[in-house]
């Protein structure tokens, strides 16, 4: 489904990722973990063409999308939820969802998609006329995810969805991620909360200094090298 080969990317003259190989198959949850500065967010931004790709290849459903513009990637079926609960605070919940539907020209389809979102996120229906800034942190994060789902993606990129949230909200976010995946959407999630991410993932990539240091399943957190990567061997 998604395949990355020998990817070098970063920002301006600063190379962050060094020959990354990565793949995600249909219906998988892939976790990307590692210490701060390892290149996790840059990997997601490279897929979504928000970083400067220096060399390598990114393919999606056997199509070369390496330097496809971001708006074209959305049409291809890739959606990205950046970190930081980025919602439009001065818009209502429903208006936020409508902003996510800008690529859909058929207004009847927009209505259907929003109604489907309300079925998946009942609290958003209840709060559809409330301004986004009135929502809790966890609710804002769910709204950001819901807005991305309006586009009916095949693959959803999530960057630190649990950042700054309470334990209760984190639990709700991860339950919703599993639920979304069960509906057939492939998910690639970057997370500092390594255990939570690995627990729901089919496979995990551990990045260190812009390279893939480890890959594996749920047993990966037992690997002694994890301690070295996160804590420098301490």
C-alpha atoms as a PDB file:
ATOM      1  CA  UNK A   1       0.000   0.000   0.000  1.00  0.00           C
ATOM      2  CA  UNK A   2       2.581   2.564   1.149  1.00  0.00           C
ATOM      3  CA  UNK A   3       6.244   1.927   0.475  1.00  0.00           C
ATOM      4  CA  UNK A   4       9.213   4.182   1.167  1.00  0.00           C
ATOM      5  CA  UNK A   5      12.634   3.396  -0.271  1.00  0.00           C
ATOM      6  CA  UNK A   6      15.944   5.041   0.660  1.00  0.00           C
ATOM      7  CA  UNK A   7      14.261   8.283   1.691  1.00  0.00           C
ATOM      8  CA  UNK A   8      16.424  11.281   2.485  1.00  0.00           C
ATOM      9  CA  UNK A   9      14.482  14.350   3.567  1.00  0.00           C
ATOM     10  CA  UNK A  10      14.474  17.334   5.889  1.00  0.00           C
ATOM     11  CA  UNK A  11      14.106  21.103   5.762  1.00  0.00           C
ATOM     12  CA  UNK A  12      16.103  23.434   3.494  1.00  0.00           C
ATOM     13  CA  UNK A  13      19.728  22.243   3.744  1.00  0.00           C
ATOM     14  CA  UNK A  14      19.168  20.223   6.925  1.00  0.00           C
ATOM     15  CA  UNK A  15      18.849  16.488   6.239  1.00  0.00           C
ATOM     16  CA  UNK A  16      16.835  14.788   9.015  1.00  0.00           C
ATOM     17  CA  UNK A  17      16.074  11.353   7.543  1.00  0.00           C
ATOM     18  CA  UNK A  18      18.892   9.241   6.127  1.00  0.00           C
ATOM     19  CA  UNK A  19      17.875   6.489   3.683  1.00  0.00           C
ATOM     20  CA  UNK A  20      14.681   5.386   5.437  1.00  0.00           C
ATOM     21  CA  UNK A  21      12.976   2.186   4.283  1.00  0.00           C
ATOM     22  CA  UNK A  22       9.388   1.808   5.469  1.00  0.00           C
ATOM     23  CA  UNK A  23       6.151   0.137   4.466  1.00  0.00           C
ATOM     24  CA  UNK A  24       2.531  -0.097   5.570  1.00  0.00           C
ATOM     25  CA  UNK A  25       0.101  -2.720   4.304  1.00  0.00           C
ATOM     26  CA  UNK A  26      -3.687  -2.276   3.933  1.00  0.00           C
ATOM     27  CA  UNK A  27      -5.526  -2.385   7.259  1.00  0.00           C
ATOM     28  CA  UNK A  28      -2.416  -2.120   9.431  1.00  0.00           C
ATOM     29  CA  UNK A  29      -1.648   0.173  12.324  1.00  0.00           C
ATOM     30  CA  UNK A  30       2.014   1.150  12.156  1.00  0.00           C
ATOM     31  CA  UNK A  31       3.594   2.848  15.182  1.00  0.00           C
ATOM     32  CA  UNK A  32       6.630   5.087  14.827  1.00  0.00           C
ATOM     33  CA  UNK A  33       8.440   5.666  18.107  1.00  0.00           C
ATOM     34  CA  UNK A  34      11.805   7.010  19.199  1.00  0.00           C
ATOM     35  CA  UNK A  35      13.402   9.832  21.183  1.00  0.00           C
ATOM     36  CA  UNK A  36      12.867  13.519  20.475  1.00  0.00           C
ATOM     37  CA  UNK A  37      14.661  14.641  17.331  1.00  0.00           C
ATOM     38  CA  UNK A  38      14.753  11.159  15.800  1.00  0.00           C
ATOM     39  CA  UNK A  39      12.832  12.253  12.687  1.00  0.00           C
ATOM     40  CA  UNK A  40       9.409  10.801  13.454  1.00  0.00           C
ATOM     41  CA  UNK A  41       7.371  13.873  12.497  1.00  0.00           C
ATOM     42  CA  UNK A  42       9.619  14.482   9.493  1.00  0.00           C
ATOM     43  CA  UNK A  43       8.721  11.019   8.205  1.00  0.00           C
ATOM     44  CA  UNK A  44       4.999  11.831   8.299  1.00  0.00           C
ATOM     45  CA  UNK A  45       5.596  15.250   6.758  1.00  0.00           C
ATOM     46  CA  UNK A  46       7.652  13.653   3.992  1.00  0.00           C
ATOM     47  CA  UNK A  47       4.782  11.334   3.116  1.00  0.00           C
ATOM     48  CA  UNK A  48       2.451  14.360   3.029  1.00  0.00           C
ATOM     49  CA  UNK A  49       4.990  16.471   1.083  1.00  0.00           C
ATOM     50  CA  UNK A  50       5.478  18.984   3.898  1.00  0.00           C
ATOM     51  CA  UNK A  51       9.218  18.307   4.130  1.00  0.00           C
ATOM     52  CA  UNK A  52      11.920  18.631   1.491  1.00  0.00           C
ATOM     53  CA  UNK A  53      12.582  15.274  -0.130  1.00  0.00           C
ATOM     54  CA  UNK A  54      16.196  15.076  -1.279  1.00  0.00           C
ATOM     55  CA  UNK A  55      16.217  11.542  -2.675  1.00  0.00           C
ATOM     56  CA  UNK A  56      14.392   8.234  -2.460  1.00  0.00           C
ATOM     57  CA  UNK A  57      10.932   7.121  -3.463  1.00  0.00           C
ATOM     58  CA  UNK A  58       7.480   7.065  -1.853  1.00  0.00           C
ATOM     59  CA  UNK A  59       4.840   4.862  -3.486  1.00  0.00           C
ATOM     60  CA  UNK A  60       1.159   4.579  -2.624  1.00  0.00           C
ATOM     61  CA  UNK A  61      -0.858   1.780  -4.202  1.00  0.00           C
ATOM     62  CA  UNK A  62       1.977   1.283  -6.711  1.00  0.00           C
ATOM     63  CA  UNK A  63       1.895   4.960  -7.753  1.00  0.00           C
ATOM     64  CA  UNK A  64       4.947   7.169  -7.309  1.00  0.00           C
ATOM     65  CA  UNK A  65       3.795  10.025  -5.046  1.00  0.00           C
ATOM     66  CA  UNK A  66       7.260  11.202  -3.994  1.00  0.00           C
ATOM     67  CA  UNK A  67       6.738  14.853  -4.886  1.00  0.00           C
ATOM     68  CA  UNK A  68       3.003  14.974  -5.459  1.00  0.00           C
ATOM     69  CA  UNK A  69       1.497  18.228  -4.071  1.00  0.00           C
ATOM     70  CA  UNK A  70      -0.239  17.884  -0.721  1.00  0.00           C
ATOM     71  CA  UNK A  71      -3.717  18.635  -2.083  1.00  0.00           C
ATOM     72  CA  UNK A  72      -3.255  15.856  -4.664  1.00  0.00           C
ATOM     73  CA  UNK A  73      -2.228  13.452  -1.891  1.00  0.00           C
ATOM     74  CA  UNK A  74      -5.570  14.131  -0.192  1.00  0.00           C
ATOM     75  CA  UNK A  75      -7.337  13.191  -3.432  1.00  0.00           C
ATOM     76  CA  UNK A  76      -5.249  10.005  -3.536  1.00  0.00           C
ATOM     77  CA  UNK A  77      -6.640   9.050  -0.112  1.00  0.00           C
ATOM     78  CA  UNK A  78      -4.021  10.221   2.391  1.00  0.00           C
ATOM     79  CA  UNK A  79      -5.006  12.433   5.336  1.00  0.00           C
ATOM     80  CA  UNK A  80      -2.736  13.974   7.967  1.00  0.00           C
ATOM     81  CA  UNK A  81      -3.567  15.077  11.521  1.00  0.00           C
ATOM     82  CA  UNK A  82      -0.650  17.179  12.806  1.00  0.00           C
ATOM     83  CA  UNK A  83       0.238  17.399  16.465  1.00  0.00           C
ATOM     84  CA  UNK A  84      -1.189  20.102  18.685  1.00  0.00           C
ATOM     85  CA  UNK A  85      -4.969  19.679  18.302  1.00  0.00           C
ATOM     86  CA  UNK A  86      -5.090  22.032  15.332  1.00  0.00           C
ATOM     87  CA  UNK A  87      -8.734  23.021  15.072  1.00  0.00           C
ATOM     88  CA  UNK A  88     -10.312  26.311  14.028  1.00  0.00           C
ATOM     89  CA  UNK A  89     -11.192  27.727  17.454  1.00  0.00           C
ATOM     90  CA  UNK A  90     -13.404  30.516  16.134  1.00  0.00           C
ATOM     91  CA  UNK A  91     -15.513  28.105  14.056  1.00  0.00           C
ATOM     92  CA  UNK A  92     -18.200  25.740  15.296  1.00  0.00           C
ATOM     93  CA  UNK A  93     -17.711  21.992  15.400  1.00  0.00           C
ATOM     94  CA  UNK A  94     -19.802  21.554  12.260  1.00  0.00           C
ATOM     95  CA  UNK A  95     -17.921  24.337  10.461  1.00  0.00           C
ATOM     96  CA  UNK A  96     -14.645  22.610  11.333  1.00  0.00           C
ATOM     97  CA  UNK A  97     -15.950  19.418   9.745  1.00  0.00           C
ATOM     98  CA  UNK A  98     -17.079  21.349   6.673  1.00  0.00           C
ATOM     99  CA  UNK A  99     -13.545  22.753   6.356  1.00  0.00           C
ATOM    100  CA  UNK A 100     -12.311  19.172   6.153  1.00  0.00           C
ATOM    101  CA  UNK A 101     -14.699  18.519   3.275  1.00  0.00           C
ATOM    102  CA  UNK A 102     -13.328  21.208   0.968  1.00  0.00           C
ATOM    103  CA  UNK A 103     -12.091  18.648  -1.560  1.00  0.00           C
ATOM    104  CA  UNK A 104     -15.623  17.264  -2.000  1.00  0.00           C
ATOM    105  CA  UNK A 105     -17.561  19.170  -4.660  1.00  0.00           C
ATOM    106  CA  UNK A 106     -20.899  17.374  -4.176  1.00  0.00           C
ATOM    107  CA  UNK A 107     -22.673  19.071  -1.271  1.00  0.00           C
ATOM    108  CA  UNK A 108     -24.998  16.126  -0.758  1.00  0.00           C
ATOM    109  CA  UNK A 109     -21.924  13.948  -0.309  1.00  0.00           C
ATOM    110  CA  UNK A 110     -20.583  16.447   2.223  1.00  0.00           C
ATOM    111  CA  UNK A 111     -23.811  16.173   4.218  1.00  0.00           C
ATOM    112  CA  UNK A 112     -23.665  12.375   4.096  1.00  0.00           C
ATOM    113  CA  UNK A 113     -20.049  12.341   5.234  1.00  0.00           C
ATOM    114  CA  UNK A 114     -20.759  14.698   8.122  1.00  0.00           C
ATOM    115  CA  UNK A 115     -23.732  12.601   9.187  1.00  0.00           C
ATOM    116  CA  UNK A 116     -21.501   9.509   9.108  1.00  0.00           C
ATOM    117  CA  UNK A 117     -18.995  11.341  11.310  1.00  0.00           C
ATOM    118  CA  UNK A 118     -21.790  12.202  13.753  1.00  0.00           C
ATOM    119  CA  UNK A 119     -22.631   8.491  13.974  1.00  0.00           C
ATOM    120  CA  UNK A 120     -18.999   7.636  14.749  1.00  0.00           C
ATOM    121  CA  UNK A 121     -18.515  10.607  17.108  1.00  0.00           C
ATOM    122  CA  UNK A 122     -21.894  11.161  18.814  1.00  0.00           C
ATOM    123  CA  UNK A 123     -20.570  13.939  21.072  1.00  0.00           C
ATOM    124  CA  UNK A 124     -19.699  15.989  17.967  1.00  0.00           C
ATOM    125  CA  UNK A 125     -23.340  15.878  16.896  1.00  0.00           C
ATOM    126  CA  UNK A 126     -24.381  17.108  20.310  1.00  0.00           C
ATOM    127  CA  UNK A 127     -21.845  19.936  20.137  1.00  0.00           C
ATOM    128  CA  UNK A 128     -22.064  20.701  16.419  1.00  0.00           C
ATOM    129  CA  UNK A 129     -23.118  24.324  17.027  1.00  0.00           C
ATOM    130  CA  UNK A 130     -20.555  24.945  19.794  1.00  0.00           C
ATOM    131  CA  UNK A 131     -17.316  26.770  19.056  1.00  0.00           C
ATOM    132  CA  UNK A 132     -14.267  24.520  18.925  1.00  0.00           C
ATOM    133  CA  UNK A 133     -12.488  26.451  21.684  1.00  0.00           C
ATOM    134  CA  UNK A 134     -15.183  25.350  24.156  1.00  0.00           C
ATOM    135  CA  UNK A 135     -14.231  21.672  23.747  1.00  0.00           C
ATOM    136  CA  UNK A 136     -11.858  19.873  26.094  1.00  0.00           C
ATOM    137  CA  UNK A 137      -8.376  18.980  24.846  1.00  0.00           C
ATOM    138  CA  UNK A 138      -9.385  15.401  24.146  1.00  0.00           C
ATOM    139  CA  UNK A 139     -12.530  16.502  22.317  1.00  0.00           C
ATOM    140  CA  UNK A 140     -10.524  18.915  20.183  1.00  0.00           C
ATOM    141  CA  UNK A 141      -8.159  16.096  19.223  1.00  0.00           C
ATOM    142  CA  UNK A 142     -11.091  13.887  18.263  1.00  0.00           C
ATOM    143  CA  UNK A 143     -12.523  16.763  16.220  1.00  0.00           C
ATOM    144  CA  UNK A 144      -9.198  17.096  14.374  1.00  0.00           C
ATOM    145  CA  UNK A 145      -9.250  13.367  13.616  1.00  0.00           C
ATOM    146  CA  UNK A 146     -12.912  13.502  12.556  1.00  0.00           C
ATOM    147  CA  UNK A 147     -12.167  16.421  10.221  1.00  0.00           C
ATOM    148  CA  UNK A 148      -9.501  14.308   8.491  1.00  0.00           C
ATOM    149  CA  UNK A 149     -11.933  11.384   8.186  1.00  0.00           C
ATOM    150  CA  UNK A 150     -14.417  13.588   6.320  1.00  0.00           C
ATOM    151  CA  UNK A 151     -12.100  13.136   3.326  1.00  0.00           C
ATOM    152  CA  UNK A 152     -12.706   9.353   3.361  1.00  0.00           C
ATOM    153  CA  UNK A 153      -8.994   8.506   3.488  1.00  0.00           C
ATOM    154  CA  UNK A 154      -7.465   5.125   2.805  1.00  0.00           C
ATOM    155  CA  UNK A 155      -4.561   5.962   5.101  1.00  0.00           C
ATOM    156  CA  UNK A 156      -4.502   8.269   8.129  1.00  0.00           C
ATOM    157  CA  UNK A 157      -1.285   9.857   9.421  1.00  0.00           C
ATOM    158  CA  UNK A 158      -1.446  10.813  13.116  1.00  0.00           C
ATOM    159  CA  UNK A 159       1.273  12.905  14.756  1.00  0.00           C
ATOM    160  CA  UNK A 160       1.340  12.678  18.569  1.00  0.00           C
ATOM    161  CA  UNK A 161      -2.454  12.400  19.058  1.00  0.00           C
ATOM    162  CA  UNK A 162      -2.093  11.946  22.839  1.00  0.00           C
ATOM    163  CA  UNK A 163       0.162  14.981  23.352  1.00  0.00           C
ATOM    164  CA  UNK A 164      -0.788  16.986  26.436  1.00  0.00           C
ATOM    165  CA  UNK A 165      -3.953  15.035  27.183  1.00  0.00           C
ATOM    166  CA  UNK A 166      -5.214  13.572  30.452  1.00  0.00           C
ATOM    167  CA  UNK A 167      -4.946   9.778  30.978  1.00  0.00           C
ATOM    168  CA  UNK A 168      -8.705   9.465  30.470  1.00  0.00           C
ATOM    169  CA  UNK A 169      -8.577  11.405  27.196  1.00  0.00           C
ATOM    170  CA  UNK A 170      -5.573   9.371  26.019  1.00  0.00           C
ATOM    171  CA  UNK A 171      -7.533   6.159  26.611  1.00  0.00           C
ATOM    172  CA  UNK A 172     -10.461   7.531  24.580  1.00  0.00           C
ATOM    173  CA  UNK A 173      -8.178   8.623  21.740  1.00  0.00           C
ATOM    174  CA  UNK A 174      -6.532   5.207  21.417  1.00  0.00           C
ATOM    175  CA  UNK A 175      -9.877   3.412  21.581  1.00  0.00           C
ATOM    176  CA  UNK A 176     -11.135   5.606  18.762  1.00  0.00           C
ATOM    177  CA  UNK A 177      -7.980   4.966  16.701  1.00  0.00           C
ATOM    178  CA  UNK A 178      -8.556   1.208  16.986  1.00  0.00           C
ATOM    179  CA  UNK A 179     -12.195   1.676  16.020  1.00  0.00           C
ATOM    180  CA  UNK A 180     -11.236   3.715  12.945  1.00  0.00           C
ATOM    181  CA  UNK A 181      -8.729   1.047  11.921  1.00  0.00           C
ATOM    182  CA  UNK A 182     -11.363  -1.671  12.276  1.00  0.00           C
ATOM    183  CA  UNK A 183     -13.348   0.178   9.609  1.00  0.00           C
ATOM    184  CA  UNK A 184     -10.564  -0.562   7.129  1.00  0.00           C
ATOM    185  CA  UNK A 185      -8.404   2.553   7.341  1.00  0.00           C
ATOM    186  CA  UNK A 186      -4.639   2.072   7.522  1.00  0.00           C
ATOM    187  CA  UNK A 187      -3.088   4.178  10.289  1.00  0.00           C
ATOM    188  CA  UNK A 188       0.468   5.402  10.761  1.00  0.00           C
ATOM    189  CA  UNK A 189       0.908   6.902  14.206  1.00  0.00           C
ATOM    190  CA  UNK A 190       3.838   8.820  15.666  1.00  0.00           C
ATOM    191  CA  UNK A 191       3.776   8.676  19.470  1.00  0.00           C
ATOM    192  CA  UNK A 192       5.942   9.504  22.467  1.00  0.00           C
ATOM    193  CA  UNK A 193       3.642   7.245  24.496  1.00  0.00           C
ATOM    194  CA  UNK A 194       5.483   4.194  23.204  1.00  0.00           C
ATOM    195  CA  UNK A 195       3.631   1.507  25.153  1.00  0.00           C
ATOM    196  CA  UNK A 196       0.187   2.761  24.134  1.00  0.00           C
ATOM    197  CA  UNK A 197       1.214   2.954  20.482  1.00  0.00           C
ATOM    198  CA  UNK A 198       2.919  -0.441  20.370  1.00  0.00           C
ATOM    199  CA  UNK A 199      -0.033  -2.072  22.127  1.00  0.00           C
ATOM    200  CA  UNK A 200      -2.416  -1.189  19.280  1.00  0.00           C
ATOM    201  CA  UNK A 201       0.065  -1.535  16.408  1.00  0.00           C
ATOM    202  CA  UNK A 202       0.591  -4.455  14.063  1.00  0.00           C
ATOM    203  CA  UNK A 203       4.190  -3.369  13.569  1.00  0.00           C
ATOM    204  CA  UNK A 204       6.491  -0.739  15.045  1.00  0.00           C
ATOM    205  CA  UNK A 205       9.402   1.225  13.654  1.00  0.00           C
ATOM    206  CA  UNK A 206      11.903   2.720  16.090  1.00  0.00           C
ATOM    207  CA  UNK A 207      13.764   5.727  14.719  1.00  0.00           C
ATOM    208  CA  UNK A 208      17.096   6.952  16.022  1.00  0.00           C
ATOM    209  CA  UNK A 209      19.082   9.835  14.536  1.00  0.00           C
ATOM    210  CA  UNK A 210      17.041   9.804  11.355  1.00  0.00           C
ATOM    211  CA  UNK A 211      17.436   6.095  10.689  1.00  0.00           C
ATOM    212  CA  UNK A 212      15.387   2.957  11.356  1.00  0.00           C
ATOM    213  CA  UNK A 213      17.042   1.390  14.392  1.00  0.00           C
ATOM    214  CA  UNK A 214      14.552  -1.423  15.014  1.00  0.00           C
ATOM    215  CA  UNK A 215      11.380  -2.908  13.610  1.00  0.00           C
ATOM    216  CA  UNK A 216       9.124  -5.494  15.189  1.00  0.00           C
ATOM    217  CA  UNK A 217       5.854  -6.415  16.800  1.00  0.00           C
ATOM    218  CA  UNK A 218       4.548  -5.990  20.330  1.00  0.00           C
ATOM    219  CA  UNK A 219       7.664  -7.620  21.749  1.00  0.00           C
ATOM    220  CA  UNK A 220       9.827  -4.737  20.580  1.00  0.00           C
ATOM    221  CA  UNK A 221       9.661  -2.856  23.894  1.00  0.00           C
ATOM    222  CA  UNK A 222      11.458  -5.793  25.530  1.00  0.00           C
ATOM    223  CA  UNK A 223      14.465  -5.329  23.253  1.00  0.00           C
ATOM    224  CA  UNK A 224      17.473  -4.119  25.321  1.00  0.00           C
ATOM    225  CA  UNK A 225      18.357  -1.676  22.561  1.00  0.00           C
ATOM    226  CA  UNK A 226      15.187   0.310  23.335  1.00  0.00           C
ATOM    227  CA  UNK A 227      16.754   1.439  26.617  1.00  0.00           C
ATOM    228  CA  UNK A 228      19.860   2.598  24.744  1.00  0.00           C
ATOM    229  CA  UNK A 229      17.799   4.492  22.180  1.00  0.00           C
ATOM    230  CA  UNK A 230      15.595   6.281  24.710  1.00  0.00           C
ATOM    231  CA  UNK A 231      17.949   6.688  27.627  1.00  0.00           C
ATOM    232  CA  UNK A 232      21.445   6.426  26.202  1.00  0.00           C
ATOM    233  CA  UNK A 233      22.074   3.145  28.025  1.00  0.00           C
ATOM    234  CA  UNK A 234      21.295   4.528  31.478  1.00  0.00           C
END
